[in-house]
Protein backbone atom coordinates (compact mmCIF):
# COMPACT_ATOMS: atom_id res chain seq x y z
CA MET A 1 3.62 -61.46 -53.33
CA ASN A 2 4.01 -65.17 -52.80
CA ALA A 3 5.53 -66.64 -55.92
CA PHE A 4 3.77 -69.93 -55.30
CA SER A 5 0.22 -68.71 -54.91
CA GLY A 6 0.33 -65.32 -56.58
CA LYS A 7 -1.33 -63.88 -53.44
CA GLN A 8 -0.05 -61.12 -51.24
CA VAL A 9 1.67 -62.35 -48.09
CA MET A 10 0.60 -61.00 -44.73
CA THR A 11 3.46 -59.18 -43.02
CA SER A 12 4.28 -59.68 -39.32
CA GLU A 13 3.06 -56.15 -38.59
CA GLU A 14 -0.26 -56.83 -40.38
CA TYR A 15 -0.66 -60.12 -38.53
CA GLU A 16 -0.07 -58.40 -35.19
CA LEU A 17 -2.54 -55.61 -35.99
CA LEU A 18 -5.28 -58.05 -36.94
CA ARG A 19 -4.50 -60.51 -34.17
CA ASN A 20 -4.55 -57.77 -31.54
CA LEU A 21 -7.74 -56.33 -32.90
CA VAL A 22 -9.53 -59.71 -32.90
CA GLU A 23 -8.23 -60.44 -29.34
CA GLY A 24 -9.09 -57.00 -28.05
CA GLU A 25 -12.59 -56.91 -29.45
CA THR A 26 -13.65 -60.56 -29.10
CA GLY A 27 -11.35 -62.09 -26.51
CA ILE A 28 -10.27 -64.77 -29.04
CA VAL A 29 -6.53 -65.40 -28.46
CA MET A 30 -4.62 -66.40 -31.58
CA LYS A 31 -1.15 -67.79 -31.03
CA GLN A 32 1.70 -67.29 -33.52
CA ASN A 33 1.10 -70.76 -34.96
CA ARG A 34 -2.32 -69.50 -36.16
CA ARG A 35 -0.82 -66.97 -38.56
CA LEU A 36 -1.46 -69.17 -41.60
CA THR A 37 -5.07 -69.65 -40.55
CA LEU A 38 -5.62 -65.90 -40.12
CA HIS A 39 -3.88 -65.29 -43.43
CA SER A 40 -6.14 -67.65 -45.34
CA LYS A 41 -9.33 -66.45 -43.67
CA VAL A 42 -8.50 -62.75 -44.20
CA SER A 43 -7.31 -63.30 -47.76
CA HIS A 44 -10.75 -64.81 -48.52
CA ARG A 45 -12.41 -61.71 -47.08
CA LEU A 46 -10.09 -59.40 -49.07
CA MET A 47 -11.19 -61.17 -52.28
CA ILE A 48 -14.90 -60.99 -51.42
CA LEU A 49 -14.79 -57.33 -50.41
CA GLY A 50 -12.36 -56.20 -53.12
CA ILE A 51 -9.89 -54.83 -50.55
CA PRO A 52 -6.36 -54.81 -51.91
CA THR A 53 -4.18 -55.19 -48.76
CA TYR A 54 -4.28 -56.58 -45.24
CA ARG A 55 -3.59 -53.04 -43.89
CA ASP A 56 -6.55 -51.72 -45.81
CA TYR A 57 -8.72 -54.51 -44.37
CA TYR A 58 -7.53 -53.61 -40.86
CA ASP A 59 -8.43 -49.95 -41.54
CA PHE A 60 -11.80 -51.08 -42.81
CA LEU A 61 -12.39 -53.11 -39.69
CA ILE A 62 -11.58 -50.28 -37.29
CA SER A 63 -13.61 -47.74 -39.24
CA ASP A 64 -16.81 -49.78 -39.06
CA PRO A 65 -18.76 -48.49 -36.06
CA ALA A 66 -21.26 -51.38 -36.25
CA ARG A 67 -18.36 -53.95 -36.13
CA GLU A 68 -20.24 -56.16 -38.68
CA GLU A 69 -17.09 -57.21 -40.59
CA LEU A 70 -15.24 -57.89 -37.32
CA PHE A 71 -18.00 -60.24 -36.32
CA ILE A 72 -17.78 -61.98 -39.73
CA LEU A 73 -14.03 -62.32 -39.32
CA ALA A 74 -14.40 -63.68 -35.76
CA THR A 75 -16.77 -66.38 -36.99
CA HIS A 76 -14.33 -67.33 -39.72
CA VAL A 77 -11.29 -67.65 -37.48
CA THR A 78 -12.94 -69.66 -34.70
CA ASP A 79 -12.88 -73.45 -34.82
CA ASN A 80 -16.31 -74.64 -33.92
CA GLU A 81 -16.17 -77.89 -32.01
CA SER A 82 -19.01 -80.28 -31.88
CA TYR A 83 -19.41 -83.47 -29.86
CA PHE A 84 -22.57 -84.45 -31.75
CA PHE A 85 -22.56 -88.19 -32.55
CA ARG A 86 -19.12 -88.72 -31.02
CA GLU A 87 -18.39 -91.62 -28.74
CA ASN A 88 -17.97 -91.03 -25.05
CA PRO A 89 -14.46 -91.58 -23.74
CA SER A 90 -14.01 -95.06 -22.17
């Protein structure tokens, strides 16, 4: 547990499991500096789904033949970029 937030901290092993699953299934490459992002996105999903640990969430992801939750996770971890209403470079 993280004393500051009261939330469980994602271990390196859990990060690697989830990162490798996301990359293998979606092609989304997450570098080590994205660990905090993955942690916050997954912790949100844990809370919504009532899943107690990151390992349990991983097991849930790989046991879902429809891959619905994996798709939801992928949409949460991607940074959508929009050029709408932005100025053109000079």
